[in-house]
Amino acid sequence: MELRRYWRLITRRWLLVAVPLVLVLIFTLLTYRRPPPAFNVGVQFLVSQPPSPASASADEQRYYAWLTSEYVVNGLTDWVKGGQFAEAVSDQLSKQGLDVPAGAVQGGLAADNARSMLTVSLTYGDAAVLGAMMEAVIMVLTEQNAAALPQLGGEPAILVQLGQPIVNQISAGLRSQLDLPLRVMLALGGGIGLSLLAEYLDPTIRDRDDLARLGLAVMAEIPSK
């Protein structure tokens, strides 16, 4: 079938194409909710441990100090991602009069590490509360890490904070931005499919092409105008 024939078919059945599209647009406008704002803040830490064996040479002390720091960073990263850390942050916030459940803290926390560098980021829907949450995260991370690292013999890991955390607003996700275009495309495709189905089921003979498909010869043709 030629493209022109498809176009004529769609324009002839335009109502079947338009109705699903209009219904989807109306439903989308009635149910649309603006995505809630989201904010993110991150901070980096350099983890360092003092040289331990006094009898070792200076080079060996530095080597073991860096090696220990890398293992400590791995342990801290796992601790931050766990539920106990989130509960400790939630308890710290409750002391400040902020009620943030541990689930909300853990759901917004992300941690990553590279060698002796630890990166912690936090996402939440309230910028003011997020700042307090990050301060609580820093406090728990720097002051309560000894319990999470028993291999240090009760000694806390030394964390050097690199820079101050800055709260930034996160733009709406790609899914929310593509929601309306995807619905419109699906409605349009559904309408075109309905028009093709209606044309296929319609036994009406409209032009010489329909007769040709039936194997009938055209004897004469009366123009519409």
C-alpha atoms as a PDB file:
ATOM      1  CA  MET A   1       0.000   0.000   0.000  1.00  0.00           C
ATOM      2  CA  GLU A   2       1.354   3.397  -0.980  1.00  0.00           C
ATOM      3  CA  LEU A   3       2.003   6.078   1.606  1.00  0.00           C
ATOM      4  CA  ARG A   4      -0.626   8.298  -0.023  1.00  0.00           C
ATOM      5  CA  ARG A   5      -3.207   5.595   0.502  1.00  0.00           C
ATOM      6  CA  TYR A   6      -2.265   5.342   4.165  1.00  0.00           C
ATOM      7  CA  TRP A   7      -2.610   9.091   4.478  1.00  0.00           C
ATOM      8  CA  ARG A   8      -6.052   9.052   2.856  1.00  0.00           C
ATOM      9  CA  LEU A   9      -7.076   6.224   5.145  1.00  0.00           C
ATOM     10  CA  ILE A  10      -5.978   8.098   8.266  1.00  0.00           C
ATOM     11  CA  THR A  11      -7.625  11.357   7.217  1.00  0.00           C
ATOM     12  CA  ARG A  12     -10.831   9.466   6.441  1.00  0.00           C
ATOM     13  CA  ARG A  13     -10.789   7.840   9.872  1.00  0.00           C
ATOM     14  CA  TRP A  14      -9.421  10.907  11.684  1.00  0.00           C
ATOM     15  CA  LEU A  15     -11.987  10.608  14.472  1.00  0.00           C
ATOM     16  CA  LEU A  16     -10.600   7.214  15.516  1.00  0.00           C
ATOM     17  CA  VAL A  17      -7.140   8.770  15.656  1.00  0.00           C
ATOM     18  CA  ALA A  18      -8.246  11.882  17.538  1.00  0.00           C
ATOM     19  CA  VAL A  19     -10.444  10.308  20.223  1.00  0.00           C
ATOM     20  CA  PRO A  20      -7.700   8.269  22.011  1.00  0.00           C
ATOM     21  CA  LEU A  21      -5.347  11.230  21.786  1.00  0.00           C
ATOM     22  CA  VAL A  22      -7.876  13.626  23.316  1.00  0.00           C
ATOM     23  CA  LEU A  23      -8.810  11.164  26.068  1.00  0.00           C
ATOM     24  CA  VAL A  24      -5.159  10.649  27.013  1.00  0.00           C
ATOM     25  CA  LEU A  25      -4.524  14.408  27.094  1.00  0.00           C
ATOM     26  CA  ILE A  26      -7.569  15.018  29.291  1.00  0.00           C
ATOM     27  CA  PHE A  27      -6.628  12.191  31.656  1.00  0.00           C
ATOM     28  CA  THR A  28      -3.038  13.437  31.868  1.00  0.00           C
ATOM     29  CA  LEU A  29      -4.110  17.006  32.637  1.00  0.00           C
ATOM     30  CA  LEU A  30      -6.540  15.839  35.327  1.00  0.00           C
ATOM     31  CA  THR A  31      -4.042  13.520  37.018  1.00  0.00           C
ATOM     32  CA  TYR A  32      -0.860  15.554  36.545  1.00  0.00           C
ATOM     33  CA  ARG A  33       1.142  16.228  39.677  1.00  0.00           C
ATOM     34  CA  ARG A  34       4.274  18.323  39.645  1.00  0.00           C
ATOM     35  CA  PRO A  35       7.272  16.213  40.712  1.00  0.00           C
ATOM     36  CA  PRO A  36       8.270  17.070  44.277  1.00  0.00           C
ATOM     37  CA  PRO A  37      11.528  19.000  44.619  1.00  0.00           C
ATOM     38  CA  ALA A  38      14.631  17.020  45.468  1.00  0.00           C
ATOM     39  CA  PHE A  39      17.938  18.246  46.831  1.00  0.00           C
ATOM     40  CA  ASN A  40      21.347  16.653  47.079  1.00  0.00           C
ATOM     41  CA  VAL A  41      24.443  17.324  49.133  1.00  0.00           C
ATOM     42  CA  GLY A  42      27.780  15.552  49.153  1.00  0.00           C
ATOM     43  CA  VAL A  43      31.039  15.609  51.032  1.00  0.00           C
ATOM     44  CA  GLN A  44      34.394  13.885  50.654  1.00  0.00           C
ATOM     45  CA  PHE A  45      36.705  12.555  53.338  1.00  0.00           C
ATOM     46  CA  LEU A  46      40.341  11.578  53.233  1.00  0.00           C
ATOM     47  CA  VAL A  47      40.940   8.663  55.585  1.00  0.00           C
ATOM     48  CA  SER A  48      44.358   8.375  57.143  1.00  0.00           C
ATOM     49  CA  GLN A  49      45.773   6.198  59.881  1.00  0.00           C
ATOM     50  CA  PRO A  50      48.948   7.010  61.824  1.00  0.00           C
ATOM     51  CA  PRO A  51      51.951   4.688  61.356  1.00  0.00           C
ATOM     52  CA  SER A  52      51.769   1.970  63.975  1.00  0.00           C
ATOM     53  CA  PRO A  53      54.964  -0.128  64.305  1.00  0.00           C
ATOM     54  CA  ALA A  54      57.678   2.098  65.714  1.00  0.00           C
ATOM     55  CA  SER A  55      60.345  -0.447  64.846  1.00  0.00           C
ATOM     56  CA  ALA A  56      59.584  -0.377  61.126  1.00  0.00           C
ATOM     57  CA  SER A  57      61.404   1.902  58.761  1.00  0.00           C
ATOM     58  CA  ALA A  58      59.860   5.168  57.632  1.00  0.00           C
ATOM     59  CA  ASP A  59      59.012   3.794  54.196  1.00  0.00           C
ATOM     60  CA  GLU A  60      57.349   0.726  55.699  1.00  0.00           C
ATOM     61  CA  GLN A  61      55.387   2.907  58.103  1.00  0.00           C
ATOM     62  CA  ARG A  62      54.060   5.041  55.267  1.00  0.00           C
ATOM     63  CA  TYR A  63      53.222   1.966  53.176  1.00  0.00           C
ATOM     64  CA  TYR A  64      51.275   0.243  55.952  1.00  0.00           C
ATOM     65  CA  ALA A  65      49.547   3.499  56.868  1.00  0.00           C
ATOM     66  CA  TRP A  66      48.225   3.909  53.293  1.00  0.00           C
ATOM     67  CA  LEU A  67      47.290   0.228  53.068  1.00  0.00           C
ATOM     68  CA  THR A  68      45.389   0.417  56.345  1.00  0.00           C
ATOM     69  CA  SER A  69      43.595   3.546  55.171  1.00  0.00           C
ATOM     70  CA  GLU A  70      42.310   1.761  52.062  1.00  0.00           C
ATOM     71  CA  TYR A  71      40.920  -1.107  54.134  1.00  0.00           C
ATOM     72  CA  VAL A  72      39.357   1.368  56.552  1.00  0.00           C
ATOM     73  CA  VAL A  73      37.659   3.220  53.687  1.00  0.00           C
ATOM     74  CA  ASN A  74      36.142  -0.030  52.440  1.00  0.00           C
ATOM     75  CA  GLY A  75      34.772  -0.763  55.901  1.00  0.00           C
ATOM     76  CA  LEU A  76      33.379   2.750  56.325  1.00  0.00           C
ATOM     77  CA  THR A  77      31.649   2.572  52.938  1.00  0.00           C
ATOM     78  CA  ASP A  78      29.875  -0.646  53.910  1.00  0.00           C
ATOM     79  CA  TRP A  79      28.924   0.851  57.264  1.00  0.00           C
ATOM     80  CA  VAL A  80      27.410   3.983  55.716  1.00  0.00           C
ATOM     81  CA  LYS A  81      25.249   1.870  53.393  1.00  0.00           C
ATOM     82  CA  GLY A  82      23.877  -0.224  56.260  1.00  0.00           C
ATOM     83  CA  GLY A  83      20.858   0.254  58.476  1.00  0.00           C
ATOM     84  CA  GLN A  84      22.798   0.770  61.716  1.00  0.00           C
ATOM     85  CA  PHE A  85      24.407   3.910  60.343  1.00  0.00           C
ATOM     86  CA  ALA A  86      21.021   5.279  59.267  1.00  0.00           C
ATOM     87  CA  GLU A  87      19.588   4.582  62.722  1.00  0.00           C
ATOM     88  CA  ALA A  88      22.510   6.400  64.344  1.00  0.00           C
ATOM     89  CA  VAL A  89      21.930   9.426  62.083  1.00  0.00           C
ATOM     90  CA  SER A  90      18.198   9.357  62.852  1.00  0.00           C
ATOM     91  CA  ASP A  91      18.951   9.273  66.589  1.00  0.00           C
ATOM     92  CA  GLN A  92      21.354  12.191  66.194  1.00  0.00           C
ATOM     93  CA  LEU A  93      18.674  14.194  64.395  1.00  0.00           C
ATOM     94  CA  SER A  94      16.093  13.418  67.059  1.00  0.00           C
ATOM     95  CA  LYS A  95      18.406  15.049  69.614  1.00  0.00           C
ATOM     96  CA  GLN A  96      18.119  18.211  67.498  1.00  0.00           C
ATOM     97  CA  GLY A  97      14.323  18.014  67.420  1.00  0.00           C
ATOM     98  CA  LEU A  98      14.112  16.658  63.850  1.00  0.00           C
ATOM     99  CA  ASP A  99      12.032  13.555  63.219  1.00  0.00           C
ATOM    100  CA  VAL A 100      13.597  11.815  60.211  1.00  0.00           C
ATOM    101  CA  PRO A 101      13.050   8.032  60.116  1.00  0.00           C
ATOM    102  CA  ALA A 102      16.037   5.791  59.564  1.00  0.00           C
ATOM    103  CA  GLY A 103      14.419   4.497  56.374  1.00  0.00           C
ATOM    104  CA  ALA A 104      14.324   7.997  54.900  1.00  0.00           C
ATOM    105  CA  VAL A 105      17.989   8.493  55.794  1.00  0.00           C
ATOM    106  CA  GLN A 106      19.095   5.179  54.320  1.00  0.00           C
ATOM    107  CA  GLY A 107      16.987   5.677  51.195  1.00  0.00           C
ATOM    108  CA  GLY A 108      18.771   8.937  50.398  1.00  0.00           C
ATOM    109  CA  LEU A 109      22.304   7.892  51.340  1.00  0.00           C
ATOM    110  CA  ALA A 110      24.953   6.900  48.819  1.00  0.00           C
ATOM    111  CA  ALA A 111      28.599   6.134  49.469  1.00  0.00           C
ATOM    112  CA  ASP A 112      31.569   5.362  47.270  1.00  0.00           C
ATOM    113  CA  ASN A 113      35.281   5.030  47.775  1.00  0.00           C
ATOM    114  CA  ALA A 114      38.476   5.186  45.777  1.00  0.00           C
ATOM    115  CA  ARG A 115      41.675   4.208  47.555  1.00  0.00           C
ATOM    116  CA  SER A 116      41.698   6.321  50.736  1.00  0.00           C
ATOM    117  CA  MET A 117      38.965   8.727  49.552  1.00  0.00           C
ATOM    118  CA  LEU A 118      35.405   8.350  50.855  1.00  0.00           C
ATOM    119  CA  THR A 119      32.499  10.158  49.181  1.00  0.00           C
ATOM    120  CA  VAL A 120      29.122  10.404  50.900  1.00  0.00           C
ATOM    121  CA  SER A 121      26.052  11.975  49.294  1.00  0.00           C
ATOM    122  CA  LEU A 122      22.541  12.447  50.614  1.00  0.00           C
ATOM    123  CA  THR A 123      19.263  13.199  48.837  1.00  0.00           C
ATOM    124  CA  TYR A 124      16.096  14.564  50.444  1.00  0.00           C
ATOM    125  CA  GLY A 125      13.066  16.654  49.584  1.00  0.00           C
ATOM    126  CA  ASP A 126      13.661  19.507  52.064  1.00  0.00           C
ATOM    127  CA  ALA A 127      16.764  21.641  51.651  1.00  0.00           C
ATOM    128  CA  ALA A 128      16.799  22.910  55.247  1.00  0.00           C
ATOM    129  CA  VAL A 129      16.371  19.436  56.742  1.00  0.00           C
ATOM    130  CA  LEU A 130      18.917  18.025  54.292  1.00  0.00           C
ATOM    131  CA  GLY A 131      21.607  20.350  55.628  1.00  0.00           C
ATOM    132  CA  ALA A 132      20.934  19.156  59.174  1.00  0.00           C
ATOM    133  CA  MET A 133      20.910  15.553  57.971  1.00  0.00           C
ATOM    134  CA  MET A 134      24.335  15.910  56.398  1.00  0.00           C
ATOM    135  CA  GLU A 135      25.715  17.502  59.558  1.00  0.00           C
ATOM    136  CA  ALA A 136      24.404  14.506  61.493  1.00  0.00           C
ATOM    137  CA  VAL A 137      25.958  12.140  58.947  1.00  0.00           C
ATOM    138  CA  ILE A 138      29.331  13.860  59.356  1.00  0.00           C
ATOM    139  CA  MET A 139      29.079  13.745  63.144  1.00  0.00           C
ATOM    140  CA  VAL A 140      28.184  10.045  63.252  1.00  0.00           C
ATOM    141  CA  LEU A 141      30.801   9.178  60.642  1.00  0.00           C
ATOM    142  CA  THR A 142      33.640  10.949  62.399  1.00  0.00           C
ATOM    143  CA  GLU A 143      32.729  10.301  66.047  1.00  0.00           C
ATOM    144  CA  GLN A 144      31.120   6.843  66.082  1.00  0.00           C
ATOM    145  CA  ASN A 145      33.139   4.890  63.536  1.00  0.00           C
ATOM    146  CA  ALA A 146      35.180   2.980  66.136  1.00  0.00           C
ATOM    147  CA  ALA A 147      32.255   0.641  66.839  1.00  0.00           C
ATOM    148  CA  ALA A 148      32.012  -0.189  63.116  1.00  0.00           C
ATOM    149  CA  LEU A 149      35.738  -0.944  62.788  1.00  0.00           C
ATOM    150  CA  PRO A 150      36.644  -3.465  65.503  1.00  0.00           C
ATOM    151  CA  GLN A 151      39.845  -4.322  63.659  1.00  0.00           C
ATOM    152  CA  LEU A 152      41.256  -0.985  64.863  1.00  0.00           C
ATOM    153  CA  GLY A 153      41.030  -2.176  68.482  1.00  0.00           C
ATOM    154  CA  GLY A 154      38.586   0.504  69.603  1.00  0.00           C
ATOM    155  CA  GLU A 155      40.566   3.361  68.074  1.00  0.00           C
ATOM    156  CA  PRO A 156      38.525   5.656  65.786  1.00  0.00           C
ATOM    157  CA  ALA A 157      39.491   6.103  62.172  1.00  0.00           C
ATOM    158  CA  ILE A 158      40.876   9.510  61.301  1.00  0.00           C
ATOM    159  CA  LEU A 159      38.730  11.297  58.713  1.00  0.00           C
ATOM    160  CA  VAL A 160      39.744  14.618  57.190  1.00  0.00           C
ATOM    161  CA  GLN A 161      36.788  16.440  55.677  1.00  0.00           C
ATOM    162  CA  LEU A 162      37.532  17.998  52.291  1.00  0.00           C
ATOM    163  CA  GLY A 163      35.414  21.092  51.798  1.00  0.00           C
ATOM    164  CA  GLN A 164      32.029  22.071  53.140  1.00  0.00           C
ATOM    165  CA  PRO A 165      28.820  20.362  51.990  1.00  0.00           C
ATOM    166  CA  ILE A 166      26.709  22.486  49.635  1.00  0.00           C
ATOM    167  CA  VAL A 167      23.020  21.725  49.065  1.00  0.00           C
ATOM    168  CA  ASN A 168      21.959  21.706  45.412  1.00  0.00           C
ATOM    169  CA  GLN A 169      18.549  21.175  43.844  1.00  0.00           C
ATOM    170  CA  ILE A 170      18.207  18.194  41.526  1.00  0.00           C
ATOM    171  CA  SER A 171      16.393  18.643  38.232  1.00  0.00           C
ATOM    172  CA  ALA A 172      13.365  16.484  37.468  1.00  0.00           C
ATOM    173  CA  GLY A 173      14.186  12.992  36.314  1.00  0.00           C
ATOM    174  CA  LEU A 174      14.097  11.906  32.691  1.00  0.00           C
ATOM    175  CA  ARG A 175      11.067   9.709  33.349  1.00  0.00           C
ATOM    176  CA  SER A 176       8.893  12.628  34.465  1.00  0.00           C
ATOM    177  CA  GLN A 177      10.039  14.721  31.496  1.00  0.00           C
ATOM    178  CA  LEU A 178       9.153  11.998  28.990  1.00  0.00           C
ATOM    179  CA  ASP A 179       5.892  10.954  30.612  1.00  0.00           C
ATOM    180  CA  LEU A 180       3.577  13.182  28.549  1.00  0.00           C
ATOM    181  CA  PRO A 181       5.351  12.675  25.164  1.00  0.00           C
ATOM    182  CA  LEU A 182       5.300   8.898  25.649  1.00  0.00           C
ATOM    183  CA  ARG A 183       1.590   8.923  26.467  1.00  0.00           C
ATOM    184  CA  VAL A 184       0.839  11.051  23.416  1.00  0.00           C
ATOM    185  CA  MET A 185       2.862   8.751  21.159  1.00  0.00           C
ATOM    186  CA  LEU A 186       1.130   5.657  22.520  1.00  0.00           C
ATOM    187  CA  ALA A 187      -2.309   7.256  22.096  1.00  0.00           C
ATOM    188  CA  LEU A 188      -1.448   8.327  18.557  1.00  0.00           C
ATOM    189  CA  GLY A 189      -0.190   4.852  17.693  1.00  0.00           C
ATOM    190  CA  GLY A 190      -3.316   3.303  19.194  1.00  0.00           C
ATOM    191  CA  GLY A 191      -5.552   5.647  17.194  1.00  0.00           C
ATOM    192  CA  ILE A 192      -3.747   4.844  13.954  1.00  0.00           C
ATOM    193  CA  GLY A 193      -4.049   1.149  14.758  1.00  0.00           C
ATOM    194  CA  LEU A 194      -7.807   1.527  15.303  1.00  0.00           C
ATOM    195  CA  SER A 195      -8.181   3.343  11.994  1.00  0.00           C
ATOM    196  CA  LEU A 196      -6.301   0.582  10.149  1.00  0.00           C
ATOM    197  CA  LEU A 197      -8.416  -2.081  11.846  1.00  0.00           C
ATOM    198  CA  ALA A 198     -11.631  -0.265  10.967  1.00  0.00           C
ATOM    199  CA  GLU A 199     -10.513   0.031   7.350  1.00  0.00           C
ATOM    200  CA  TYR A 200      -9.638  -3.650   7.229  1.00  0.00           C
ATOM    201  CA  LEU A 201     -13.075  -4.666   8.560  1.00  0.00           C
ATOM    202  CA  ASP A 202     -15.008  -2.192   6.402  1.00  0.00           C
ATOM    203  CA  PRO A 203     -16.464  -3.977   3.304  1.00  0.00           C
ATOM    204  CA  THR A 204     -17.243  -0.695   1.543  1.00  0.00           C
ATOM    205  CA  ILE A 205     -15.745  -0.259  -1.947  1.00  0.00           C
ATOM    206  CA  ARG A 206     -14.436   3.271  -2.256  1.00  0.00           C
ATOM    207  CA  ASP A 207     -12.130   3.372  -5.265  1.00  0.00           C
ATOM    208  CA  ARG A 208     -10.721   1.372  -8.167  1.00  0.00           C
ATOM    209  CA  ASP A 209      -7.961  -0.058  -5.995  1.00  0.00           C
ATOM    210  CA  ASP A 210     -10.578  -1.880  -3.914  1.00  0.00           C
ATOM    211  CA  LEU A 211     -12.032  -3.378  -7.109  1.00  0.00           C
ATOM    212  CA  ALA A 212      -8.599  -4.365  -8.345  1.00  0.00           C
ATOM    213  CA  ARG A 213      -7.931  -6.288  -5.137  1.00  0.00           C
ATOM    214  CA  LEU A 214     -11.178  -8.186  -5.746  1.00  0.00           C
ATOM    215  CA  GLY A 215     -10.077  -9.049  -9.271  1.00  0.00           C
ATOM    216  CA  LEU A 216     -12.809  -6.968 -10.935  1.00  0.00           C
ATOM    217  CA  ALA A 217     -12.188  -4.833 -13.999  1.00  0.00           C
ATOM    218  CA  VAL A 218     -13.241  -1.181 -14.029  1.00  0.00           C
ATOM    219  CA  MET A 219     -15.575  -0.506 -16.957  1.00  0.00           C
ATOM    220  CA  ALA A 220     -16.130   3.192 -16.284  1.00  0.00           C
ATOM    221  CA  GLU A 221     -15.562   5.768 -13.580  1.00  0.00           C
ATOM    222  CA  ILE A 222     -17.753   8.740 -12.606  1.00  0.00           C
ATOM    223  CA  PRO A 223     -15.654  11.552 -11.136  1.00  0.00           C
ATOM    224  CA  SER A 224     -16.745  12.976  -7.797  1.00  0.00           C
ATOM    225  CA  LYS A 225     -16.738  16.488  -9.254  1.00  0.00           C
END
